[in-house]
PDB file of N, CA and C in Angstrom:
ATOM      1  N   MET A   1       0.751 -36.489  -7.213  1.00  0.00           N
ATOM      2  CA  MET A   1       1.871 -36.007  -5.828  1.00  0.00           C
ATOM      3  C   MET A   1       0.744 -35.871  -4.547  1.00  0.00           C
ATOM      4  N   ARG A   2       1.119 -36.199  -3.469  1.00  0.00           N
ATOM      5  CA  ARG A   2       0.418 -36.063  -2.430  1.00  0.00           C
ATOM      6  C   ARG A   2       1.240 -34.796  -1.414  1.00  0.00           C
ATOM      7  N   GLN A   3      -0.251 -34.010  -0.925  1.00  0.00           N
ATOM      8  CA  GLN A   3       0.476 -33.112  -0.029  1.00  0.00           C
ATOM      9  C   GLN A   3      -0.078 -33.259   1.406  1.00  0.00           C
ATOM     10  N   SER A   4       0.785 -32.754   2.042  1.00  0.00           N
ATOM     11  CA  SER A   4       0.596 -32.880   3.598  1.00  0.00           C
ATOM     12  C   SER A   4      -0.532 -32.145   4.184  1.00  0.00           C
ATOM     13  N   GLU A   5      -1.219 -32.497   5.243  1.00  0.00           N
ATOM     14  CA  GLU A   5      -2.419 -31.843   5.537  1.00  0.00           C
ATOM     15  C   GLU A   5      -1.988 -30.178   5.995  1.00  0.00           C
ATOM     16  N   ARG A   6      -1.021 -30.268   6.246  1.00  0.00           N
ATOM     17  CA  ARG A   6      -0.538 -28.667   6.601  1.00  0.00           C
ATOM     18  C   ARG A   6      -0.697 -27.971   5.299  1.00  0.00           C
ATOM     19  N   THR A   7       0.036 -28.466   4.327  1.00  0.00           N
ATOM     20  CA  THR A   7       0.263 -27.821   3.152  1.00  0.00           C
ATOM     21  C   THR A   7      -1.408 -27.600   2.357  1.00  0.00           C
ATOM     22  N   LYS A   8      -1.962 -28.556   2.826  1.00  0.00           N
ATOM     23  CA  LYS A   8      -3.638 -28.314   2.386  1.00  0.00           C
ATOM     24  C   LYS A   8      -4.366 -27.210   3.315  1.00  0.00           C
ATOM     25  N   LYS A   9      -3.978 -27.189   4.356  1.00  0.00           N
ATOM     26  CA  LYS A   9      -4.689 -25.969   5.160  1.00  0.00           C
ATOM     27  C   LYS A   9      -3.934 -24.828   4.708  1.00  0.00           C
ATOM     28  N   ILE A  10      -2.808 -24.717   4.478  1.00  0.00           N
ATOM     29  CA  ILE A  10      -2.386 -23.440   3.977  1.00  0.00           C
ATOM     30  C   ILE A  10      -2.778 -22.970   2.729  1.00  0.00           C
ATOM     31  N   ILE A  11      -3.178 -23.909   1.663  1.00  0.00           N
ATOM     32  CA  ILE A  11      -3.865 -23.558   0.567  1.00  0.00           C
ATOM     33  C   ILE A  11      -5.214 -23.039   0.526  1.00  0.00           C
ATOM     34  N   ALA A  12      -5.901 -23.710   1.529  1.00  0.00           N
ATOM     35  CA  ALA A  12      -7.394 -23.561   2.025  1.00  0.00           C
ATOM     36  C   ALA A  12      -7.366 -22.093   2.643  1.00  0.00           C
ATOM     37  N   LEU A  13      -6.426 -21.675   3.358  1.00  0.00           N
ATOM     38  CA  LEU A  13      -6.422 -20.520   3.930  1.00  0.00           C
ATOM     39  C   LEU A  13      -5.968 -19.256   3.136  1.00  0.00           C
ATOM     40  N   LEU A  14      -5.221 -19.526   2.078  1.00  0.00           N
ATOM     41  CA  LEU A  14      -4.712 -18.409   1.284  1.00  0.00           C
ATOM     42  C   LEU A  14      -5.864 -18.003   0.357  1.00  0.00           C
ATOM     43  N   GLY A  15      -6.642 -18.774  -0.066  1.00  0.00           N
ATOM     44  CA  GLY A  15      -7.831 -18.626  -0.950  1.00  0.00           C
ATOM     45  C   GLY A  15      -8.516 -17.137  -0.719  1.00  0.00           C
ATOM     46  N   PRO A  16      -9.319 -17.345   0.520  1.00  0.00           N
ATOM     47  CA  PRO A  16     -10.088 -16.199   0.820  1.00  0.00           C
ATOM     48  C   PRO A  16      -9.246 -14.762   1.117  1.00  0.00           C
ATOM     49  N   VAL A  17      -8.047 -15.128   1.592  1.00  0.00           N
ATOM     50  CA  VAL A  17      -6.782 -14.029   1.867  1.00  0.00           C
ATOM     51  C   VAL A  17      -6.601 -13.042   0.370  1.00  0.00           C
ATOM     52  N   LEU A  18      -6.437 -14.267  -0.437  1.00  0.00           N
ATOM     53  CA  LEU A  18      -5.923 -13.919  -2.016  1.00  0.00           C
ATOM     54  C   LEU A  18      -7.225 -12.849  -2.450  1.00  0.00           C
ATOM     55  N   ASP A  19      -8.348 -13.180  -2.313  1.00  0.00           N
ATOM     56  CA  ASP A  19      -9.355 -12.427  -2.722  1.00  0.00           C
ATOM     57  C   ASP A  19      -9.360 -11.082  -2.340  1.00  0.00           C
ATOM     58  N   ILE A  20      -8.699 -10.817  -0.939  1.00  0.00           N
ATOM     59  CA  ILE A  20      -8.943  -9.567  -0.221  1.00  0.00           C
ATOM     60  C   ILE A  20      -8.010  -8.502  -0.161  1.00  0.00           C
ATOM     61  N   LEU A  21      -6.916  -9.065  -0.677  1.00  0.00           N
ATOM     62  CA  LEU A  21      -5.326  -8.502  -0.279  1.00  0.00           C
ATOM     63  C   LEU A  21      -4.460  -8.598  -1.724  1.00  0.00           C
ATOM     64  N   GLU A  22      -4.233  -7.515  -1.969  1.00  0.00           N
ATOM     65  CA  GLU A  22      -3.491  -7.291  -3.259  1.00  0.00           C
ATOM     66  C   GLU A  22      -1.914  -6.383  -2.800  1.00  0.00           C
ATOM     67  N   ILE A  23      -0.940  -7.162  -3.059  1.00  0.00           N
ATOM     68  CA  ILE A  23       0.599  -6.656  -2.647  1.00  0.00           C
ATOM     69  C   ILE A  23       1.135  -6.349  -4.146  1.00  0.00           C
ATOM     70  N   VAL A  24       1.386  -5.285  -4.096  1.00  0.00           N
ATOM     71  CA  VAL A  24       2.183  -4.635  -5.604  1.00  0.00           C
ATOM     72  C   VAL A  24       3.531  -3.803  -5.494  1.00  0.00           C
ATOM     73  N   ASP A  25       4.342  -4.473  -5.962  1.00  0.00           N
ATOM     74  CA  ASP A  25       5.840  -3.670  -5.994  1.00  0.00           C
ATOM     75  C   ASP A  25       5.787  -2.748  -6.996  1.00  0.00           C
ATOM     76  N   GLU A  26       6.127  -1.387  -6.652  1.00  0.00           N
ATOM     77  CA  GLU A  26       6.350  -0.252  -7.939  1.00  0.00           C
ATOM     78  C   GLU A  26       4.925  -0.213  -8.491  1.00  0.00           C
ATOM     79  N   ILE A  27       3.884   0.244  -7.856  1.00  0.00           N
ATOM     80  CA  ILE A  27       2.584  -0.031  -8.733  1.00  0.00           C
ATOM     81  C   ILE A  27       2.324   0.821  -9.929  1.00  0.00           C
ATOM     82  N   GLU A  28       3.251   1.912 -10.295  1.00  0.00           N
ATOM     83  CA  GLU A  28       3.428   2.655 -11.190  1.00  0.00           C
ATOM     84  C   GLU A  28       4.101   2.344 -12.258  1.00  0.00           C
ATOM     85  N   SER A  29       4.751   1.339 -12.277  1.00  0.00           N
ATOM     86  CA  SER A  29       5.677   0.492 -13.170  1.00  0.00           C
ATOM     87  C   SER A  29       5.165   0.386 -14.635  1.00  0.00           C
ATOM     88  N   GLY A  30       5.485   0.792 -15.453  1.00  0.00           N
ATOM     89  CA  GLY A  30       4.674   0.628 -16.646  1.00  0.00           C
ATOM     90  C   GLY A  30       3.278   1.191 -17.014  1.00  0.00           C
ATOM     91  N   LEU A  31       2.824   1.773 -15.824  1.00  0.00           N
ATOM     92  CA  LEU A  31       1.603   2.717 -15.934  1.00  0.00           C
ATOM     93  C   LEU A  31       1.637   4.090 -16.352  1.00  0.00           C
ATOM     94  N   HIS A  32       0.773   4.648 -17.075  1.00  0.00           N
ATOM     95  CA  HIS A  32       0.549   5.985 -16.989  1.00  0.00           C
ATOM     96  C   HIS A  32      -0.035   6.311 -15.628  1.00  0.00           C
ATOM     97  N   PRO A  33       0.524   7.518 -14.817  1.00  0.00           N
ATOM     98  CA  PRO A  33       0.133   7.751 -13.415  1.00  0.00           C
ATOM     99  C   PRO A  33      -1.261   8.049 -13.199  1.00  0.00           C
ATOM    100  N   GLU A  34      -2.169   8.506 -14.065  1.00  0.00           N
ATOM    101  CA  GLU A  34      -3.559   8.590 -13.609  1.00  0.00           C
ATOM    102  C   GLU A  34      -4.157   7.167 -13.575  1.00  0.00           C
ATOM    103  N   ILE A  35      -3.711   5.876 -14.599  1.00  0.00           N
ATOM    104  CA  ILE A  35      -4.005   4.356 -14.463  1.00  0.00           C
ATOM    105  C   ILE A  35      -3.702   4.168 -13.080  1.00  0.00           C
ATOM    106  N   ALA A  36      -2.392   4.093 -12.437  1.00  0.00           N
ATOM    107  CA  ALA A  36      -2.173   3.859 -11.196  1.00  0.00           C
ATOM    108  C   ALA A  36      -3.186   4.620 -10.205  1.00  0.00           C
ATOM    109  N   LYS A  37      -3.491   5.620 -10.284  1.00  0.00           N
ATOM    110  CA  LYS A  37      -4.578   6.508  -9.259  1.00  0.00           C
ATOM    111  C   LYS A  37      -5.784   5.756  -9.359  1.00  0.00           C
ATOM    112  N   LEU A  38      -6.287   5.615 -10.836  1.00  0.00           N
ATOM    113  CA  LEU A  38      -7.264   4.898 -10.715  1.00  0.00           C
ATOM    114  C   LEU A  38      -7.622   3.638 -10.188  1.00  0.00           C
ATOM    115  N   ILE A  39      -6.374   2.670 -10.251  1.00  0.00           N
ATOM    116  CA  ILE A  39      -6.455   1.397  -9.375  1.00  0.00           C
ATOM    117  C   ILE A  39      -6.508   1.736  -7.767  1.00  0.00           C
ATOM    118  N   ILE A  40      -5.917   2.596  -7.559  1.00  0.00           N
ATOM    119  CA  ILE A  40      -5.606   2.620  -6.046  1.00  0.00           C
ATOM    120  C   ILE A  40      -7.291   3.200  -5.385  1.00  0.00           C
ATOM    121  N   LYS A  41      -7.970   4.232  -6.431  1.00  0.00           N
ATOM    122  CA  LYS A  41      -9.152   4.526  -6.154  1.00  0.00           C
ATOM    123  C   LYS A  41     -10.176   3.711  -5.898  1.00  0.00           C
ATOM    124  N   LEU A  42      -9.998   2.383  -7.137  1.00  0.00           N
ATOM    125  CA  LEU A  42     -10.940   1.229  -6.745  1.00  0.00           C
ATOM    126  C   LEU A  42     -11.091   0.421  -5.355  1.00  0.00           C
ATOM    127  N   PHE A  43      -9.868   0.634  -4.819  1.00  0.00           N
ATOM    128  CA  PHE A  43      -9.640  -0.068  -3.177  1.00  0.00           C
ATOM    129  C   PHE A  43     -10.219   1.019  -2.245  1.00  0.00           C
ATOM    130  N   ASN A  44     -10.732   1.990  -2.710  1.00  0.00           N
ATOM    131  CA  ASN A  44     -11.606   3.245  -1.663  1.00  0.00           C
ATOM    132  C   ASN A  44     -12.860   3.287  -2.298  1.00  0.00           C
ATOM    133  N   SER A  45     -13.434   2.727  -3.147  1.00  0.00           N
ATOM    134  CA  SER A  45     -14.596   2.879  -3.997  1.00  0.00           C
ATOM    135  C   SER A  45     -15.495   2.079  -3.043  1.00  0.00           C
ATOM    136  N   SER A  46     -16.742   2.731  -3.173  1.00  0.00           N
ATOM    137  CA  SER A  46     -18.199   1.881  -2.851  1.00  0.00           C
ATOM    138  C   SER A  46     -18.084   0.531  -3.249  1.00  0.00           C
ATOM    139  N   ASN A  47     -17.539   0.648  -4.529  1.00  0.00           N
ATOM    140  CA  ASN A  47     -17.578  -0.991  -5.345  1.00  0.00           C
ATOM    141  C   ASN A  47     -16.946  -2.095  -4.661  1.00  0.00           C
ATOM    142  N   ASN A  48     -15.952  -1.641  -3.572  1.00  0.00           N
ATOM    143  CA  ASN A  48     -15.169  -2.450  -2.802  1.00  0.00           C
ATOM    144  C   ASN A  48     -15.908  -3.242  -1.816  1.00  0.00           C
ATOM    145  N   LYS A  49     -16.970  -3.985  -2.401  1.00  0.00           N
ATOM    146  CA  LYS A  49     -17.708  -4.639  -1.378  1.00  0.00           C
ATOM    147  C   LYS A  49     -17.225  -5.858  -0.290  1.00  0.00           C
ATOM    148  N   HIS A  50     -16.056  -6.221  -0.508  1.00  0.00           N
ATOM    149  CA  HIS A  50     -15.321  -7.089   0.376  1.00  0.00           C
ATOM    150  C   HIS A  50     -14.284  -6.408   1.083  1.00  0.00           C
ATOM    151  N   ASN A  51     -14.215  -5.040   1.149  1.00  0.00           N
ATOM    152  CA  ASN A  51     -13.001  -4.153   1.857  1.00  0.00           C
ATOM    153  C   ASN A  51     -11.846  -4.786   1.440  1.00  0.00           C
ATOM    154  N   ALA A  52     -11.446  -5.029   0.475  1.00  0.00           N
ATOM    155  CA  ALA A  52     -10.077  -5.741  -0.207  1.00  0.00           C
ATOM    156  C   ALA A  52      -9.148  -4.580  -0.018  1.00  0.00           C
ATOM    157  N   GLN A  53      -7.952  -4.817   0.412  1.00  0.00           N
ATOM    158  CA  GLN A  53      -7.179  -4.048   0.796  1.00  0.00           C
ATOM    159  C   GLN A  53      -5.877  -4.091  -0.415  1.00  0.00           C
ATOM    160  N   LEU A  54      -5.311  -3.087  -0.527  1.00  0.00           N
ATOM    161  CA  LEU A  54      -4.056  -2.978  -1.323  1.00  0.00           C
ATOM    162  C   LEU A  54      -2.794  -2.170  -0.676  1.00  0.00           C
ATOM    163  N   ILE A  55      -1.861  -3.029  -1.011  1.00  0.00           N
ATOM    164  CA  ILE A  55      -0.742  -2.808  -0.175  1.00  0.00           C
ATOM    165  C   ILE A  55       0.371  -2.725  -1.472  1.00  0.00           C
ATOM    166  N   PHE A  56       1.060  -1.479  -1.612  1.00  0.00           N
ATOM    167  CA  PHE A  56       2.206  -1.094  -2.682  1.00  0.00           C
ATOM    168  C   PHE A  56       3.074  -0.463  -2.256  1.00  0.00           C
ATOM    169  N   THR A  57       4.335  -0.481  -2.936  1.00  0.00           N
ATOM    170  CA  THR A  57       5.506   0.335  -2.984  1.00  0.00           C
ATOM    171  C   THR A  57       5.305   1.264  -4.390  1.00  0.00           C
ATOM    172  N   THR A  58       5.947   2.543  -3.998  1.00  0.00           N
ATOM    173  CA  THR A  58       6.008   3.535  -4.851  1.00  0.00           C
ATOM    174  C   THR A  58       7.258   4.424  -4.816  1.00  0.00           C
ATOM    175  N   TYR A  59       7.655   4.919  -6.274  1.00  0.00           N
ATOM    176  CA  TYR A  59       8.856   6.061  -5.856  1.00  0.00           C
ATOM    177  C   TYR A  59       8.397   7.132  -6.514  1.00  0.00           C
ATOM    178  N   ASN A  60       6.952   7.152  -7.091  1.00  0.00           N
ATOM    179  CA  ASN A  60       6.396   8.350  -7.693  1.00  0.00           C
ATOM    180  C   ASN A  60       5.549   8.941  -6.485  1.00  0.00           C
ATOM    181  N   THR A  61       6.088   9.983  -5.884  1.00  0.00           N
ATOM    182  CA  THR A  61       5.468  10.880  -5.002  1.00  0.00           C
ATOM    183  C   THR A  61       4.087  11.793  -5.162  1.00  0.00           C
ATOM    184  N   ASN A  62       3.879  11.529  -6.773  1.00  0.00           N
ATOM    185  CA  ASN A  62       2.608  12.150  -7.098  1.00  0.00           C
ATOM    186  C   ASN A  62       1.263  11.463  -6.587  1.00  0.00           C
ATOM    187  N   LEU A  63       1.683  10.132  -6.557  1.00  0.00           N
ATOM    188  CA  LEU A  63       0.846   9.181  -5.941  1.00  0.00           C
ATOM    189  C   LEU A  63       0.224   9.237  -4.435  1.00  0.00           C
ATOM    190  N   LEU A  64       1.057   9.936  -3.722  1.00  0.00           N
ATOM    191  CA  LEU A  64       0.562  10.303  -2.555  1.00  0.00           C
ATOM    192  C   LEU A  64      -0.349  11.559  -2.290  1.00  0.00           C
ATOM    193  N   ASP A  65      -1.310  11.340  -2.861  1.00  0.00           N
ATOM    194  CA  ASP A  65      -2.511  12.279  -3.387  1.00  0.00           C
ATOM    195  C   ASP A  65      -3.214  12.373  -2.077  1.00  0.00           C
ATOM    196  N   ASN A  66      -3.597  13.375  -1.441  1.00  0.00           N
ATOM    197  CA  ASN A  66      -4.057  13.759  -0.200  1.00  0.00           C
ATOM    198  C   ASN A  66      -5.815  13.288  -0.572  1.00  0.00           C
ATOM    199  N   GLU A  67      -6.118  13.434  -1.926  1.00  0.00           N
ATOM    200  CA  GLU A  67      -7.370  12.871  -2.063  1.00  0.00           C
ATOM    201  C   GLU A  67      -7.548  11.145  -2.401  1.00  0.00           C
ATOM    202  N   LEU A  68      -6.625  10.325  -2.667  1.00  0.00           N
ATOM    203  CA  LEU A  68      -6.550   9.337  -2.813  1.00  0.00           C
ATOM    204  C   LEU A  68      -6.346   8.338  -1.155  1.00  0.00           C
ATOM    205  N   PHE A  69      -6.169   9.191  -0.346  1.00  0.00           N
ATOM    206  CA  PHE A  69      -5.771   8.307   0.989  1.00  0.00           C
ATOM    207  C   PHE A  69      -6.304   9.048   2.171  1.00  0.00           C
ATOM    208  N   ARG A  70      -6.922   8.479   3.221  1.00  0.00           N
ATOM    209  CA  ARG A  70      -6.957   9.083   4.640  1.00  0.00           C
ATOM    210  C   ARG A  70      -5.381   8.710   5.172  1.00  0.00           C
ATOM    211  N   ARG A  71      -5.390   9.714   6.293  1.00  0.00           N
ATOM    212  CA  ARG A  71      -4.059   9.549   7.111  1.00  0.00           C
ATOM    213  C   ARG A  71      -3.461   8.275   7.443  1.00  0.00           C
ATOM    214  N   PRO A  72      -4.625   7.606   8.244  1.00  0.00           N
ATOM    215  CA  PRO A  72      -3.886   6.207   8.662  1.00  0.00           C
ATOM    216  C   PRO A  72      -3.494   5.066   7.664  1.00  0.00           C
ATOM    217  N   ASP A  73      -3.830   5.373   6.328  1.00  0.00           N
ATOM    218  CA  ASP A  73      -3.700   4.549   5.015  1.00  0.00           C
ATOM    219  C   ASP A  73      -2.195   4.485   4.805  1.00  0.00           C
ATOM    220  N   LEU A  74      -1.647   5.635   5.257  1.00  0.00           N
ATOM    221  CA  LEU A  74      -0.148   5.663   4.562  1.00  0.00           C
ATOM    222  C   LEU A  74       1.080   5.658   5.576  1.00  0.00           C
ATOM    223  N   PHE A  75       2.112   4.646   4.873  1.00  0.00           N
ATOM    224  CA  PHE A  75       2.936   4.420   5.976  1.00  0.00           C
ATOM    225  C   PHE A  75       4.495   5.046   5.129  1.00  0.00           C
ATOM    226  N   TYR A  76       5.596   5.621   5.438  1.00  0.00           N
ATOM    227  CA  TYR A  76       6.903   6.061   4.806  1.00  0.00           C
ATOM    228  C   TYR A  76       7.828   5.107   5.554  1.00  0.00           C
ATOM    229  N   PHE A  77       8.443   4.381   4.518  1.00  0.00           N
ATOM    230  CA  PHE A  77       9.739   3.577   5.259  1.00  0.00           C
ATOM    231  C   PHE A  77      10.909   4.288   4.440  1.00  0.00           C
ATOM    232  N   GLN A  78      12.248   4.103   5.074  1.00  0.00           N
ATOM    233  CA  GLN A  78      13.360   4.427   4.102  1.00  0.00           C
ATOM    234  C   GLN A  78      14.399   3.631   4.920  1.00  0.00           C
ATOM    235  N   LYS A  79      15.327   3.224   3.898  1.00  0.00           N
ATOM    236  CA  LYS A  79      16.263   2.132   4.046  1.00  0.00           C
ATOM    237  C   LYS A  79      17.538   2.662   4.306  1.00  0.00           C
ATOM    238  N   SER A  80      18.387   2.219   4.825  1.00  0.00           N
ATOM    239  CA  SER A  80      19.679   2.389   5.250  1.00  0.00           C
ATOM    240  C   SER A  80      20.461   2.711   3.622  1.00  0.00           C
ATOM    241  N   GLU A  81      21.721   3.286   3.994  1.00  0.00           N
ATOM    242  CA  GLU A  81      22.573   3.207   2.636  1.00  0.00           C
ATOM    243  C   GLU A  81      22.866   1.749   2.467  1.00  0.00           C
ATOM    244  N   GLN A  82      22.969   0.974   3.306  1.00  0.00           N
ATOM    245  CA  GLN A  82      23.254  -0.583   2.929  1.00  0.00           C
ATOM    246  C   GLN A  82      21.773  -1.364   2.413  1.00  0.00           C
ATOM    247  N   ARG A  83      20.966  -0.444   2.639  1.00  0.00           N
ATOM    248  CA  ARG A  83      19.565  -1.245   2.092  1.00  0.00           C
ATOM    249  C   ARG A  83      19.487  -2.564   2.553  1.00  0.00           C
ATOM    250  N   HIS A  84      19.426  -2.578   3.831  1.00  0.00           N
ATOM    251  CA  HIS A  84      19.261  -4.083   4.301  1.00  0.00           C
ATOM    252  C   HIS A  84      18.540  -3.877   5.659  1.00  0.00           C
ATOM    253  N   ARG A  85      18.107  -2.479   6.225  1.00  0.00           N
ATOM    254  CA  ARG A  85      17.192  -2.148   7.089  1.00  0.00           C
ATOM    255  C   ARG A  85      16.369  -1.146   6.920  1.00  0.00           C
ATOM    256  N   ILE A  86      15.117  -0.852   7.655  1.00  0.00           N
ATOM    257  CA  ILE A  86      14.617  -0.070   7.822  1.00  0.00           C
ATOM    258  C   ILE A  86      14.914   1.244   8.882  1.00  0.00           C
ATOM    259  N   ILE A  87      15.418   2.281   8.288  1.00  0.00           N
ATOM    260  CA  ILE A  87      15.607   3.242   9.642  1.00  0.00           C
ATOM    261  C   ILE A  87      14.708   4.620   9.828  1.00  0.00           C
ATOM    262  N   PHE A  88      13.691   4.685   9.096  1.00  0.00           N
ATOM    263  CA  PHE A  88      12.809   5.466   9.063  1.00  0.00           C
ATOM    264  C   PHE A  88      11.435   4.959   9.092  1.00  0.00           C
ATOM    265  N   PHE A  89      10.322   4.941  10.102  1.00  0.00           N
ATOM    266  CA  PHE A  89       9.278   4.660   9.740  1.00  0.00           C
ATOM    267  C   PHE A  89       8.169   5.514  10.279  1.00  0.00           C
ATOM    268  N   VAL A  90       7.152   6.312   9.558  1.00  0.00           N
ATOM    269  CA  VAL A  90       6.042   6.858  10.070  1.00  0.00           C
ATOM    270  C   VAL A  90       4.771   6.399   9.687  1.00  0.00           C
ATOM    271  N   ARG A  91       4.101   6.322  10.686  1.00  0.00           N
ATOM    272  CA  ARG A  91       2.475   5.987  10.338  1.00  0.00           C
ATOM    273  C   ARG A  91       2.034   7.568  10.397  1.00  0.00           C
ATOM    274  N   LEU A  92       1.355   7.758   9.188  1.00  0.00           N
ATOM    275  CA  LEU A  92       0.988   9.361   8.846  1.00  0.00           C
ATOM    276  C   LEU A  92      -0.051   9.897  10.128  1.00  0.00           C
ATOM    277  N   GLN A  93      -0.670   8.715  10.567  1.00  0.00           N
ATOM    278  CA  GLN A  93      -1.772   9.176  11.601  1.00  0.00           C
ATOM    279  C   GLN A  93      -1.223   9.771  12.567  1.00  0.00           C
ATOM    280  N   HIS A  94      -0.076   9.211  13.021  1.00  0.00           N
ATOM    281  CA  HIS A  94       0.535   9.818  14.435  1.00  0.00           C
ATOM    282  C   HIS A  94       1.787  11.041  14.347  1.00  0.00           C
ATOM    283  N   SER A  95       1.722  11.438  13.134  1.00  0.00           N
ATOM    284  CA  SER A  95       2.954  12.197  12.624  1.00  0.00           C
ATOM    285  C   SER A  95       2.423  13.612  13.258  1.00  0.00           C
ATOM    286  N   ALA A  96       3.561  14.003  13.965  1.00  0.00           N
ATOM    287  CA  ALA A  96       3.330  15.479  14.544  1.00  0.00           C
ATOM    288  C   ALA A  96       3.584  16.372  13.690  1.00  0.00           C
ATOM    289  N   GLY A  97       2.891  17.542  13.416  1.00  0.00           N
ATOM    290  CA  GLY A  97       3.397  18.729  12.727  1.00  0.00           C
ATOM    291  C   GLY A  97       2.882  18.734  11.458  1.00  0.00           C
ATOM    292  N   LEU A  98       2.278  17.660  11.032  1.00  0.00           N
ATOM    293  CA  LEU A  98       1.559  17.828   9.257  1.00  0.00           C
ATOM    294  C   LEU A  98       0.003  18.336   9.539  1.00  0.00           C
ATOM    295  N   PRO A  99      -0.178  19.488   9.115  1.00  0.00           N
ATOM    296  CA  PRO A  99      -1.453  19.847   9.108  1.00  0.00           C
ATOM    297  C   PRO A  99      -2.309  18.620   8.251  1.00  0.00           C
ATOM    298  N   GLU A 100      -3.637  18.375   8.520  1.00  0.00           N
ATOM    299  CA  GLU A 100      -4.340  17.412   8.068  1.00  0.00           C
ATOM    300  C   GLU A 100      -4.506  17.314   6.625  1.00  0.00           C
ATOM    301  N   ARG A 101      -4.706  18.684   5.920  1.00  0.00           N
ATOM    302  CA  ARG A 101      -4.538  18.659   4.213  1.00  0.00           C
ATOM    303  C   ARG A 101      -3.248  19.046   3.636  1.00  0.00           C
ATOM    304  N   GLN A 102      -2.310  19.081   4.411  1.00  0.00           N
ATOM    305  CA  GLN A 102      -0.909  19.491   3.912  1.00  0.00           C
ATOM    306  C   GLN A 102      -0.625  18.195   3.090  1.00  0.00           C
ATOM    307  N   SER A 103       0.063  18.590   1.631  1.00  0.00           N
ATOM    308  CA  SER A 103       0.392  17.694   0.945  1.00  0.00           C
ATOM    309  C   SER A 103       1.400  16.705   1.347  1.00  0.00           C
ATOM    310  N   TRP A 104       1.004  15.614   1.377  1.00  0.00           N
ATOM    311  CA  TRP A 104       1.976  14.586   1.779  1.00  0.00           C
ATOM    312  C   TRP A 104       3.344  14.215   1.149  1.00  0.00           C
ATOM    313  N   ARG A 105       2.943  14.434  -0.215  1.00  0.00           N
ATOM    314  CA  ARG A 105       4.383  14.211  -1.066  1.00  0.00           C
ATOM    315  C   ARG A 105       5.179  15.271  -1.052  1.00  0.00           C
ATOM    316  N   THR A 106       5.048  16.552  -0.401  1.00  0.00           N
ATOM    317  CA  THR A 106       6.183  17.545  -0.253  1.00  0.00           C
ATOM    318  C   THR A 106       6.756  17.536   1.388  1.00  0.00           C
ATOM    319  N   SER A 107       5.963  16.570   2.197  1.00  0.00           N
ATOM    320  CA  SER A 107       6.260  16.444   3.749  1.00  0.00           C
ATOM    321  C   SER A 107       7.452  15.762   4.017  1.00  0.00           C
ATOM    322  N   PHE A 108       8.118  15.065   2.983  1.00  0.00           N
ATOM    323  CA  PHE A 108       9.514  14.269   3.528  1.00  0.00           C
ATOM    324  C   PHE A 108      10.644  14.758   2.789  1.00  0.00           C
ATOM    325  N   TYR A 109      10.631  16.029   1.850  1.00  0.00           N
ATOM    326  CA  TYR A 109      11.706  16.368   1.510  1.00  0.00           C
ATOM    327  C   TYR A 109      12.366  17.475   2.173  1.00  0.00           C
TER     328      TYR A 109
END
């Protein structure tokens, strides 16, 4: 099968990106919460020599642990009732009124 030059270029570019970026939907699904926390910690570890990034969704607010994240690392999204658009977005770095060490998991209730 022959690939176009554009396809070859996309494949070549994806290799390095896949080495430094991991996207996981519902990271806690099927895992013990402590294992999910351990995986998250690996991306903040000094062992993360290539500064790989983890992007994940979760319904488990216990993963929003102040010890796991720095404020700029967290984004909060909420979908509309029709579930087709985001109606609320906060980058916690810019969120007014949240003390620096306040538990983020209780901030949205």
